Every structure is written in C-alpha cells, then in structure tokens.
Amino acid sequence: MSKTERGIMSSLLVVVAVTYVLVSRAECHTSTTPTPLNSCKAFSTCDSCTQNPKCLWCMTNDTCTDYPVSYILPPPAVCKLSRARWGVCWVNFETLIIAMVVLGGTIIISIAVCCCCCCCCKKRQSGPDRDEERFARRREEIRQRADERKVERKVRHDDIRKKYGLVPDSDHPYSKFENE
C-alpha cells in the first residue's frame, strides 16, 4: 500500500469509529411524550421563535409552528418557502437553502479539483524521471560508440603512418632512412 492509500484508510477508520460511537450513544425517543412547555405556538415574535431549532416562523400569518420533521423542506401547506424563517429572521428559508447548496457545491468542487491537481502533479513528477533516465542512458550509449569509433580511427591512422614511415621510432622496413 502506498503512503496516500494508508492515509485514506486511516481517515476512513477514524470516521467509521466516530460514527459508531455517536450512533451507539444516541437514544431513541418515542413521540408519545407530552408536548414540552416551550411549545412553538407560545412564541409571538420571529426572534424568539427562530432561536428554537424545532420551530419555524411563517411571515404570511406571523405564527410560530413546529418544524415538520417528517419532511426535509416544509410543505407549502405549512408556509411558503419564501415566507418561512428558520434559524434567523433576516433570511428566508428559500434563500437559506440556495445559499447552503451553492456553498456545499463549491466545497465539493474545490475538494475534487484539489484531488485531481494532486494526482496530476504526482503523475507529472514521476513521468520526467523515467524520461530523464532514458535520455541519460541514450546519451551514454552514444558517447561510448563515439569513443569506440575514435579509437578505431586512431588505430587505422597509426597503421597508415607506420606503413608510410611517418611514425618516429618505427621498426617498419619501409621507414624513412635518416642521414647519418
């Protein structure tokens, strides 16, 4: 396993362990309990209603209602999304959802781009190393062949010089006669 794969595996194990601890600690509550004293209908202003995450303020009729937990988004029968407030009064639910989707999408795309860049950079770094080694081997082979040819030429030229007596200290019979 490579270093990156080991890091990913350890991260996944940590996530699984944390999830297991959170799920095992969670308790299941039934809906047969009586309504709490802080019912959402008791709140009369948007600020007090939105402080409780279980409540939803509807600007259409200025009422605070229980958030319909059986739905991800509150149905239009409860309140229109453009008129609903949850969490803060100054942002309607529709804008809040759009902003969260854009932010989540931006984060996911950023993570994907970073992962792709890391993978591409890693491939680019490993590629030239192999190319450089291949070019270095080829250069060395060319240099060796050139040296061999150079030695062969020198031997041929020396043979020609000996043949015509151009080499000093030569014992060849055709060497030049010197005046004595």
C-alpha atoms as a PDB file:
ATOM      1  CA  MET A   1       0.000   0.000   0.000  1.00  0.00           C
ATOM      2  CA  SER A   2       1.291   3.473  -0.803  1.00  0.00           C
ATOM      3  CA  LYS A   3       1.563   6.276   1.708  1.00  0.00           C
ATOM      4  CA  THR A   4      -1.527   8.012   0.303  1.00  0.00           C
ATOM      5  CA  GLU A   5      -3.640   4.862   0.420  1.00  0.00           C
ATOM      6  CA  ARG A   6      -2.614   4.231   4.041  1.00  0.00           C
ATOM      7  CA  GLY A   7      -3.595   7.805   4.927  1.00  0.00           C
ATOM      8  CA  ILE A   8      -7.007   7.411   3.289  1.00  0.00           C
ATOM      9  CA  MET A   9      -7.584   4.082   5.032  1.00  0.00           C
ATOM     10  CA  SER A  10      -6.701   5.528   8.445  1.00  0.00           C
ATOM     11  CA  SER A  11      -9.015   8.504   7.823  1.00  0.00           C
ATOM     12  CA  LEU A  12     -11.862   6.172   6.901  1.00  0.00           C
ATOM     13  CA  LEU A  13     -11.283   4.106  10.031  1.00  0.00           C
ATOM     14  CA  VAL A  14     -11.446   7.239  12.179  1.00  0.00           C
ATOM     15  CA  VAL A  15     -14.695   8.334  10.507  1.00  0.00           C
ATOM     16  CA  VAL A  16     -16.233   4.882  10.985  1.00  0.00           C
ATOM     17  CA  ALA A  17     -15.164   4.795  14.638  1.00  0.00           C
ATOM     18  CA  VAL A  18     -16.577   8.261  15.369  1.00  0.00           C
ATOM     19  CA  THR A  19     -19.829   7.399  13.594  1.00  0.00           C
ATOM     20  CA  TYR A  20     -20.135   4.168  15.558  1.00  0.00           C
ATOM     21  CA  VAL A  21     -19.601   5.992  18.864  1.00  0.00           C
ATOM     22  CA  LEU A  22     -22.164   8.663  18.002  1.00  0.00           C
ATOM     23  CA  VAL A  23     -24.759   6.171  16.816  1.00  0.00           C
ATOM     24  CA  SER A  24     -24.249   3.829  19.763  1.00  0.00           C
ATOM     25  CA  ARG A  25     -24.650   6.722  22.221  1.00  0.00           C
ATOM     26  CA  ALA A  26     -27.827   8.007  20.578  1.00  0.00           C
ATOM     27  CA  GLU A  27     -31.063   7.192  22.293  1.00  0.00           C
ATOM     28  CA  CYS A  28     -34.313   6.608  20.543  1.00  0.00           C
ATOM     29  CA  HIS A  29     -37.233   8.680  21.781  1.00  0.00           C
ATOM     30  CA  THR A  30     -40.832   7.888  21.022  1.00  0.00           C
ATOM     31  CA  SER A  31     -43.337  10.564  20.156  1.00  0.00           C
ATOM     32  CA  THR A  32     -45.702   9.555  22.976  1.00  0.00           C
ATOM     33  CA  THR A  33     -44.140  12.102  25.349  1.00  0.00           C
ATOM     34  CA  PRO A  34     -46.332  15.101  26.161  1.00  0.00           C
ATOM     35  CA  THR A  35     -45.568  18.372  24.403  1.00  0.00           C
ATOM     36  CA  PRO A  36     -42.944  20.438  26.176  1.00  0.00           C
ATOM     37  CA  LEU A  37     -43.807  23.609  27.994  1.00  0.00           C
ATOM     38  CA  ASN A  38     -41.924  25.626  25.379  1.00  0.00           C
ATOM     39  CA  SER A  39     -44.302  24.830  22.540  1.00  0.00           C
ATOM     40  CA  CYS A  40     -43.606  26.751  19.375  1.00  0.00           C
ATOM     41  CA  LYS A  41     -47.078  28.282  19.479  1.00  0.00           C
ATOM     42  CA  ALA A  42     -46.081  30.145  22.676  1.00  0.00           C
ATOM     43  CA  PHE A  43     -43.611  32.337  20.785  1.00  0.00           C
ATOM     44  CA  SER A  44     -45.032  35.565  19.446  1.00  0.00           C
ATOM     45  CA  THR A  45     -42.043  37.151  17.706  1.00  0.00           C
ATOM     46  CA  CYS A  46     -39.792  35.947  14.927  1.00  0.00           C
ATOM     47  CA  ASP A  47     -36.610  36.379  17.002  1.00  0.00           C
ATOM     48  CA  SER A  48     -37.856  34.267  19.890  1.00  0.00           C
ATOM     49  CA  CYS A  49     -39.289  31.617  17.529  1.00  0.00           C
ATOM     50  CA  THR A  50     -36.167  31.166  15.414  1.00  0.00           C
ATOM     51  CA  GLN A  51     -33.935  30.732  18.473  1.00  0.00           C
ATOM     52  CA  ASN A  52     -35.508  27.290  18.942  1.00  0.00           C
ATOM     53  CA  PRO A  53     -34.350  24.973  16.116  1.00  0.00           C
ATOM     54  CA  LYS A  54     -37.577  22.970  16.350  1.00  0.00           C
ATOM     55  CA  CYS A  55     -39.681  25.972  15.411  1.00  0.00           C
ATOM     56  CA  LEU A  56     -40.483  27.664  12.092  1.00  0.00           C
ATOM     57  CA  TRP A  57     -41.751  31.261  11.775  1.00  0.00           C
ATOM     58  CA  CYS A  58     -44.183  31.979   8.976  1.00  0.00           C
ATOM     59  CA  MET A  59     -44.295  35.621   7.834  1.00  0.00           C
ATOM     60  CA  THR A  60     -47.592  35.125   6.000  1.00  0.00           C
ATOM     61  CA  ASN A  61     -49.688  34.901   9.159  1.00  0.00           C
ATOM     62  CA  ASP A  62     -46.995  35.813  11.773  1.00  0.00           C
ATOM     63  CA  THR A  63     -47.183  32.492  13.592  1.00  0.00           C
ATOM     64  CA  CYS A  64     -44.616  30.154  15.048  1.00  0.00           C
ATOM     65  CA  THR A  65     -45.219  26.484  14.248  1.00  0.00           C
ATOM     66  CA  ASP A  66     -43.420  23.221  14.892  1.00  0.00           C
ATOM     67  CA  TYR A  67     -40.973  22.387  12.107  1.00  0.00           C
ATOM     68  CA  PRO A  68     -42.444  19.483  10.121  1.00  0.00           C
ATOM     69  CA  VAL A  69     -39.656  16.961  10.768  1.00  0.00           C
ATOM     70  CA  SER A  70     -41.283  14.330   8.578  1.00  0.00           C
ATOM     71  CA  TYR A  71     -40.324  16.477   5.553  1.00  0.00           C
ATOM     72  CA  ILE A  72     -36.916  17.815   4.627  1.00  0.00           C
ATOM     73  CA  LEU A  73     -38.473  21.059   3.440  1.00  0.00           C
ATOM     74  CA  PRO A  74     -41.682  22.392   4.956  1.00  0.00           C
ATOM     75  CA  PRO A  75     -44.632  21.812   2.605  1.00  0.00           C
ATOM     76  CA  PRO A  76     -46.497  24.820   1.169  1.00  0.00           C
ATOM     77  CA  ALA A  77     -49.490  23.939   3.366  1.00  0.00           C
ATOM     78  CA  VAL A  78     -47.445  24.925   6.432  1.00  0.00           C
ATOM     79  CA  CYS A  79     -45.810  28.024   4.896  1.00  0.00           C
ATOM     80  CA  LYS A  80     -44.358  29.090   1.545  1.00  0.00           C
ATOM     81  CA  LEU A  81     -40.553  28.798   1.461  1.00  0.00           C
ATOM     82  CA  SER A  82     -40.154  32.455   0.513  1.00  0.00           C
ATOM     83  CA  ARG A  83     -42.152  33.485   3.624  1.00  0.00           C
ATOM     84  CA  ALA A  84     -40.685  30.940   6.080  1.00  0.00           C
ATOM     85  CA  ARG A  85     -37.902  31.793   8.525  1.00  0.00           C
ATOM     86  CA  TRP A  86     -35.741  29.262  10.352  1.00  0.00           C
ATOM     87  CA  GLY A  87     -32.615  29.953  12.377  1.00  0.00           C
ATOM     88  CA  VAL A  88     -32.549  33.701  11.646  1.00  0.00           C
ATOM     89  CA  CYS A  89     -35.282  36.156  10.806  1.00  0.00           C
ATOM     90  CA  TRP A  90     -33.443  38.172   8.194  1.00  0.00           C
ATOM     91  CA  VAL A  91     -33.018  35.266   5.701  1.00  0.00           C
ATOM     92  CA  ASN A  92     -35.965  33.428   4.220  1.00  0.00           C
ATOM     93  CA  PHE A  93     -35.867  29.644   4.050  1.00  0.00           C
ATOM     94  CA  GLU A  94     -35.644  29.587   0.248  1.00  0.00           C
ATOM     95  CA  THR A  95     -32.542  31.820   0.197  1.00  0.00           C
ATOM     96  CA  LEU A  96     -31.007  29.822   3.037  1.00  0.00           C
ATOM     97  CA  ILE A  97     -31.425  26.564   1.100  1.00  0.00           C
ATOM     98  CA  ILE A  98     -29.983  28.050  -2.114  1.00  0.00           C
ATOM     99  CA  ALA A  99     -27.000  29.502  -0.227  1.00  0.00           C
ATOM    100  CA  MET A 100     -26.311  26.184   1.510  1.00  0.00           C
ATOM    101  CA  VAL A 101     -26.478  24.269  -1.789  1.00  0.00           C
ATOM    102  CA  VAL A 102     -24.120  26.718  -3.502  1.00  0.00           C
ATOM    103  CA  LEU A 103     -21.703  26.630  -0.571  1.00  0.00           C
ATOM    104  CA  GLY A 104     -21.804  22.812  -0.392  1.00  0.00           C
ATOM    105  CA  GLY A 105     -21.323  22.505  -4.154  1.00  0.00           C
ATOM    106  CA  THR A 106     -18.394  24.920  -4.074  1.00  0.00           C
ATOM    107  CA  ILE A 107     -16.734  22.932  -1.297  1.00  0.00           C
ATOM    108  CA  ILE A 108     -17.257  19.614  -3.109  1.00  0.00           C
ATOM    109  CA  ILE A 109     -15.939  21.009  -6.404  1.00  0.00           C
ATOM    110  CA  SER A 110     -12.926  22.537  -4.606  1.00  0.00           C
ATOM    111  CA  ILE A 111     -12.101  19.212  -2.979  1.00  0.00           C
ATOM    112  CA  ALA A 112     -12.452  17.400  -6.322  1.00  0.00           C
ATOM    113  CA  VAL A 113     -10.197  19.933  -8.082  1.00  0.00           C
ATOM    114  CA  CYS A 114      -7.577  19.670  -5.318  1.00  0.00           C
ATOM    115  CA  CYS A 115      -7.612  15.871  -5.546  1.00  0.00           C
ATOM    116  CA  CYS A 116      -7.261  15.982  -9.343  1.00  0.00           C
ATOM    117  CA  CYS A 117      -4.418  18.510  -9.115  1.00  0.00           C
ATOM    118  CA  CYS A 118      -2.594  16.360  -6.564  1.00  0.00           C
ATOM    119  CA  CYS A 119      -2.973  13.260  -8.740  1.00  0.00           C
ATOM    120  CA  CYS A 120      -1.855  15.084 -11.902  1.00  0.00           C
ATOM    121  CA  CYS A 121       1.151  16.671 -10.158  1.00  0.00           C
ATOM    122  CA  LYS A 122       2.179  13.298  -8.812  1.00  0.00           C
ATOM    123  CA  LYS A 123       1.971  11.752 -12.297  1.00  0.00           C
ATOM    124  CA  ARG A 124       3.895  14.678 -13.794  1.00  0.00           C
ATOM    125  CA  GLN A 125       6.679  14.323 -11.236  1.00  0.00           C
ATOM    126  CA  SER A 126       7.107  10.600 -11.847  1.00  0.00           C
ATOM    127  CA  GLY A 127       6.990  10.920 -15.650  1.00  0.00           C
ATOM    128  CA  PRO A 128      10.047  13.105 -16.309  1.00  0.00           C
ATOM    129  CA  ASP A 129      12.217  10.949 -14.036  1.00  0.00           C
ATOM    130  CA  ARG A 130      11.761   7.966 -16.333  1.00  0.00           C
ATOM    131  CA  ASP A 131      12.299  10.140 -19.398  1.00  0.00           C
ATOM    132  CA  GLU A 132      15.455  11.656 -17.943  1.00  0.00           C
ATOM    133  CA  GLU A 133      16.852   8.209 -17.147  1.00  0.00           C
ATOM    134  CA  ARG A 134      16.122   7.018 -20.685  1.00  0.00           C
ATOM    135  CA  PHE A 135      17.754  10.102 -22.229  1.00  0.00           C
ATOM    136  CA  ALA A 136      20.794   9.738 -19.932  1.00  0.00           C
ATOM    137  CA  ARG A 137      21.199   6.066 -20.977  1.00  0.00           C
ATOM    138  CA  ARG A 138      20.867   7.011 -24.635  1.00  0.00           C
ATOM    139  CA  ARG A 139      23.441   9.821 -24.244  1.00  0.00           C
ATOM    140  CA  GLU A 140      25.868   7.410 -22.546  1.00  0.00           C
ATOM    141  CA  GLU A 141      25.427   4.818 -25.318  1.00  0.00           C
ATOM    142  CA  ILE A 142      26.066   7.464 -27.982  1.00  0.00           C
ATOM    143  CA  ARG A 143      29.174   8.679 -26.127  1.00  0.00           C
ATOM    144  CA  GLN A 144      30.530   5.119 -25.814  1.00  0.00           C
ATOM    145  CA  ARG A 145      30.004   4.437 -29.536  1.00  0.00           C
ATOM    146  CA  ALA A 146      31.722   7.717 -30.395  1.00  0.00           C
ATOM    147  CA  ASP A 147      34.698   6.773 -28.176  1.00  0.00           C
ATOM    148  CA  GLU A 148      34.924   3.344 -29.846  1.00  0.00           C
ATOM    149  CA  ARG A 149      34.886   4.924 -33.312  1.00  0.00           C
ATOM    150  CA  LYS A 150      37.539   7.406 -32.212  1.00  0.00           C
ATOM    151  CA  VAL A 151      39.817   4.574 -31.009  1.00  0.00           C
ATOM    152  CA  GLU A 152      39.234   2.638 -34.272  1.00  0.00           C
ATOM    153  CA  ARG A 153      40.131   5.723 -36.332  1.00  0.00           C
ATOM    154  CA  LYS A 154      43.280   6.282 -34.299  1.00  0.00           C
ATOM    155  CA  VAL A 155      44.364   2.642 -34.851  1.00  0.00           C
ATOM    156  CA  ARG A 156      43.738   2.929 -38.614  1.00  0.00           C
ATOM    157  CA  HIS A 157      45.614   6.215 -38.824  1.00  0.00           C
ATOM    158  CA  ASP A 158      48.548   4.776 -36.846  1.00  0.00           C
ATOM    159  CA  ASP A 159      48.650   1.780 -39.212  1.00  0.00           C
ATOM    160  CA  ILE A 160      48.734   4.119 -42.197  1.00  0.00           C
ATOM    161  CA  ARG A 161      51.505   6.202 -40.598  1.00  0.00           C
ATOM    162  CA  LYS A 162      53.560   3.048 -39.908  1.00  0.00           C
ATOM    163  CA  LYS A 163      53.062   1.842 -43.461  1.00  0.00           C
ATOM    164  CA  TYR A 164      54.484   5.058 -44.914  1.00  0.00           C
ATOM    165  CA  GLY A 165      57.113   5.508 -42.223  1.00  0.00           C
ATOM    166  CA  LEU A 166      55.660   8.609 -40.713  1.00  0.00           C
ATOM    167  CA  VAL A 167      55.834   7.306 -37.164  1.00  0.00           C
ATOM    168  CA  PRO A 168      59.069   8.068 -35.291  1.00  0.00           C
ATOM    169  CA  ASP A 169      60.710   5.063 -33.557  1.00  0.00           C
ATOM    170  CA  SER A 170      59.174   2.706 -36.032  1.00  0.00           C
ATOM    171  CA  ASP A 171      60.844  -0.634 -36.855  1.00  0.00           C
ATOM    172  CA  HIS A 172      58.969  -0.986 -40.068  1.00  0.00           C
ATOM    173  CA  PRO A 173      61.146  -1.893 -43.106  1.00  0.00           C
ATOM    174  CA  TYR A 174      59.793   0.983 -45.140  1.00  0.00           C
ATOM    175  CA  SER A 175      60.579   3.616 -42.552  1.00  0.00           C
ATOM    176  CA  LYS A 176      62.483   6.667 -43.705  1.00  0.00           C
ATOM    177  CA  PHE A 177      66.240   6.481 -43.962  1.00  0.00           C
ATOM    178  CA  GLU A 178      67.847   9.098 -41.927  1.00  0.00           C
ATOM    179  CA  ASN A 179      71.143  10.768 -42.815  1.00  0.00           C
ATOM    180  CA  GLU A 180      73.834   9.525 -40.561  1.00  0.00           C
END
